[in-house]
N, C-alpha and C. Protein backbone atom coordinates (compact mmCIF):
# COMPACT_ATOMS: atom_id res chain seq x y z
N MET A 1 12.98 7.52 0.12
CA MET A 1 11.93 8.00 0.93
C MET A 1 12.26 9.63 0.85
N GLU A 2 11.63 10.53 0.86
CA GLU A 2 11.88 11.66 1.21
C GLU A 2 12.32 12.01 1.97
N LYS A 3 13.28 13.09 1.99
CA LYS A 3 14.17 13.66 3.40
C LYS A 3 12.19 14.27 3.77
N GLY A 4 12.57 14.42 5.51
CA GLY A 4 11.31 14.72 6.02
C GLY A 4 9.57 14.76 5.77
N LYS A 5 9.94 13.58 5.43
CA LYS A 5 8.82 12.98 5.35
C LYS A 5 8.21 11.37 5.78
N TRP A 6 7.23 11.26 6.43
CA TRP A 6 7.01 10.39 6.83
C TRP A 6 6.66 9.29 6.21
N PRO A 7 7.46 8.03 6.61
CA PRO A 7 6.75 6.69 5.76
C PRO A 7 5.06 5.99 6.55
N VAL A 8 4.46 6.04 5.44
CA VAL A 8 3.18 4.96 6.11
C VAL A 8 3.41 3.97 5.05
N LEU A 9 3.32 2.83 5.89
CA LEU A 9 3.46 1.24 5.15
C LEU A 9 2.33 0.76 5.39
N LEU A 10 2.09 -0.20 3.95
CA LEU A 10 0.53 -0.34 3.86
C LEU A 10 1.14 -2.11 3.08
N PHE A 11 1.11 -2.83 4.48
CA PHE A 11 1.44 -4.08 4.19
C PHE A 11 0.33 -5.04 3.58
N TYR A 12 -0.57 -5.44 2.68
CA TYR A 12 -1.30 -6.45 2.51
C TYR A 12 -0.72 -7.84 2.56
N LEU A 13 -1.83 -8.63 2.50
CA LEU A 13 -1.50 -9.76 1.62
C LEU A 13 -2.61 -10.42 0.12
N MET A 14 -2.51 -11.09 0.06
CA MET A 14 -2.46 -12.08 -1.26
C MET A 14 -3.70 -11.00 -1.96
N ASP A 15 -2.36 -10.78 -2.92
CA ASP A 15 -2.36 -9.91 -3.99
C ASP A 15 -3.92 -10.30 -4.92
N PHE A 16 -3.97 -11.52 -5.05
CA PHE A 16 -5.15 -12.19 -5.99
C PHE A 16 -6.51 -12.25 -5.29
N THR A 17 -6.99 -11.48 -4.48
CA THR A 17 -8.21 -11.61 -3.99
C THR A 17 -8.98 -10.60 -3.67
N VAL A 18 -10.20 -10.78 -3.21
CA VAL A 18 -11.31 -8.95 -3.34
C VAL A 18 -10.77 -8.45 -1.82
N VAL A 19 -9.95 -9.13 -0.81
CA VAL A 19 -9.57 -8.44 0.23
C VAL A 19 -8.92 -7.38 -0.20
N CYS A 20 -7.41 -7.53 -0.73
CA CYS A 20 -6.40 -6.79 -0.69
C CYS A 20 -7.40 -5.44 -2.17
N PRO A 21 -7.73 -5.65 -3.12
CA PRO A 21 -7.99 -4.08 -3.65
C PRO A 21 -8.97 -3.37 -2.47
N THR A 22 -9.90 -4.08 -2.11
CA THR A 22 -10.10 -3.08 -1.04
C THR A 22 -9.43 -1.81 -0.31
N GLU A 23 -8.60 -2.55 0.41
CA GLU A 23 -7.66 -1.90 1.30
C GLU A 23 -6.93 -1.55 0.84
N ILE A 24 -6.48 -1.29 -0.38
CA ILE A 24 -5.34 -0.60 -1.58
C ILE A 24 -6.60 0.52 -1.43
N THR A 25 -7.94 0.37 -2.31
CA THR A 25 -8.41 1.36 -2.95
C THR A 25 -9.00 2.57 -1.45
N ALA A 26 -9.26 1.79 -0.73
CA ALA A 26 -9.44 2.56 0.94
C ALA A 26 -8.12 3.29 0.84
N ILE A 27 -7.20 3.53 0.85
CA ILE A 27 -5.84 3.78 1.17
C ILE A 27 -5.92 5.28 -0.05
N SER A 28 -5.83 4.89 -1.68
CA SER A 28 -5.87 5.57 -2.68
C SER A 28 -6.75 6.55 -2.51
N ASP A 29 -8.52 6.42 -2.12
CA ASP A 29 -8.87 7.59 -1.71
C ASP A 29 -8.51 8.82 -0.94
N ARG A 30 -8.08 7.97 -0.29
CA ARG A 30 -7.48 9.31 0.96
C ARG A 30 -5.97 9.90 0.79
N TYR A 31 -5.54 9.32 -0.26
CA TYR A 31 -3.95 9.33 -0.44
C TYR A 31 -3.63 11.10 -0.65
N ASP A 32 -4.61 11.83 -0.97
CA ASP A 32 -4.45 13.35 -1.12
C ASP A 32 -3.92 14.09 0.72
N GLU A 33 -5.06 12.82 1.26
CA GLU A 33 -4.81 13.43 3.04
C GLU A 33 -3.78 12.76 3.25
N PHE A 34 -3.36 11.73 3.52
CA PHE A 34 -2.13 11.17 3.57
C PHE A 34 -0.63 12.17 2.98
N THR A 35 -0.72 12.68 1.61
CA THR A 35 0.03 13.94 0.97
C THR A 35 0.19 15.03 1.98
N GLY A 36 -0.98 15.37 2.05
CA GLY A 36 -1.15 16.53 3.21
C GLY A 36 -0.59 16.65 4.09
N LEU A 37 -0.10 15.69 4.69
CA LEU A 37 0.51 15.46 5.86
C LEU A 37 1.77 15.22 5.81
N ASP A 38 2.42 15.64 4.69
CA ASP A 38 3.74 15.48 4.48
C ASP A 38 4.17 13.69 5.02
N THR A 39 3.02 12.98 4.38
CA THR A 39 3.48 11.26 4.16
C THR A 39 3.87 11.38 3.08
N VAL A 40 4.65 10.45 2.74
CA VAL A 40 4.70 9.33 1.81
C VAL A 40 4.08 7.67 1.80
N VAL A 41 3.07 6.89 1.35
CA VAL A 41 2.32 5.80 1.30
C VAL A 41 3.37 4.95 0.51
N VAL A 42 4.23 3.94 0.90
CA VAL A 42 3.97 2.90 0.43
C VAL A 42 4.23 1.57 0.41
N GLY A 43 3.19 0.53 -0.74
CA GLY A 43 2.33 -0.51 -1.20
C GLY A 43 3.46 -1.55 -1.08
N ILE A 44 3.59 -2.56 0.54
CA ILE A 44 3.79 -3.50 0.66
C ILE A 44 3.48 -4.90 0.08
N SER A 45 3.63 -6.06 -0.75
CA SER A 45 2.64 -7.72 -0.73
C SER A 45 3.33 -8.01 0.18
N THR A 46 3.00 -9.05 1.01
CA THR A 46 3.41 -10.07 1.66
C THR A 46 3.87 -11.45 0.67
N ASP A 47 2.82 -11.29 -0.14
CA ASP A 47 2.98 -13.21 -0.89
C ASP A 47 4.24 -13.12 -1.20
N THR A 48 4.48 -14.61 -1.55
CA THR A 48 5.73 -15.20 -1.77
C THR A 48 5.69 -15.03 -3.42
N ILE A 49 6.64 -15.65 -4.07
CA ILE A 49 6.72 -15.61 -5.28
C ILE A 49 6.04 -16.50 -6.29
N HIS A 50 5.23 -17.29 -5.60
CA HIS A 50 4.63 -18.34 -6.22
C HIS A 50 3.68 -18.01 -6.56
N PRO A 51 2.34 -17.07 -6.10
CA PRO A 51 1.10 -16.79 -6.77
C PRO A 51 1.50 -16.24 -7.82
N TYR A 52 2.72 -15.12 -8.20
CA TYR A 52 2.89 -14.45 -8.92
C TYR A 52 3.41 -15.59 -10.64
N LEU A 53 3.95 -16.53 -10.25
CA LEU A 53 4.89 -17.30 -10.99
C LEU A 53 3.39 -18.03 -11.56
N ALA A 54 2.26 -18.34 -10.74
CA ALA A 54 1.41 -19.49 -11.50
C ALA A 54 0.28 -18.29 -12.14
């Protein structure tokens, strides 16, 4: 994490569904706005390892 920056934690579930890309795209579309507010955006998947192995 960068010193002096606020973390924005984006927790999302189910990487392989339609909902997940929608949420990530919404944050991505406003990424410049977030960085302009001295933040660092971090995406965190809550999926287990099982969908990735499948």
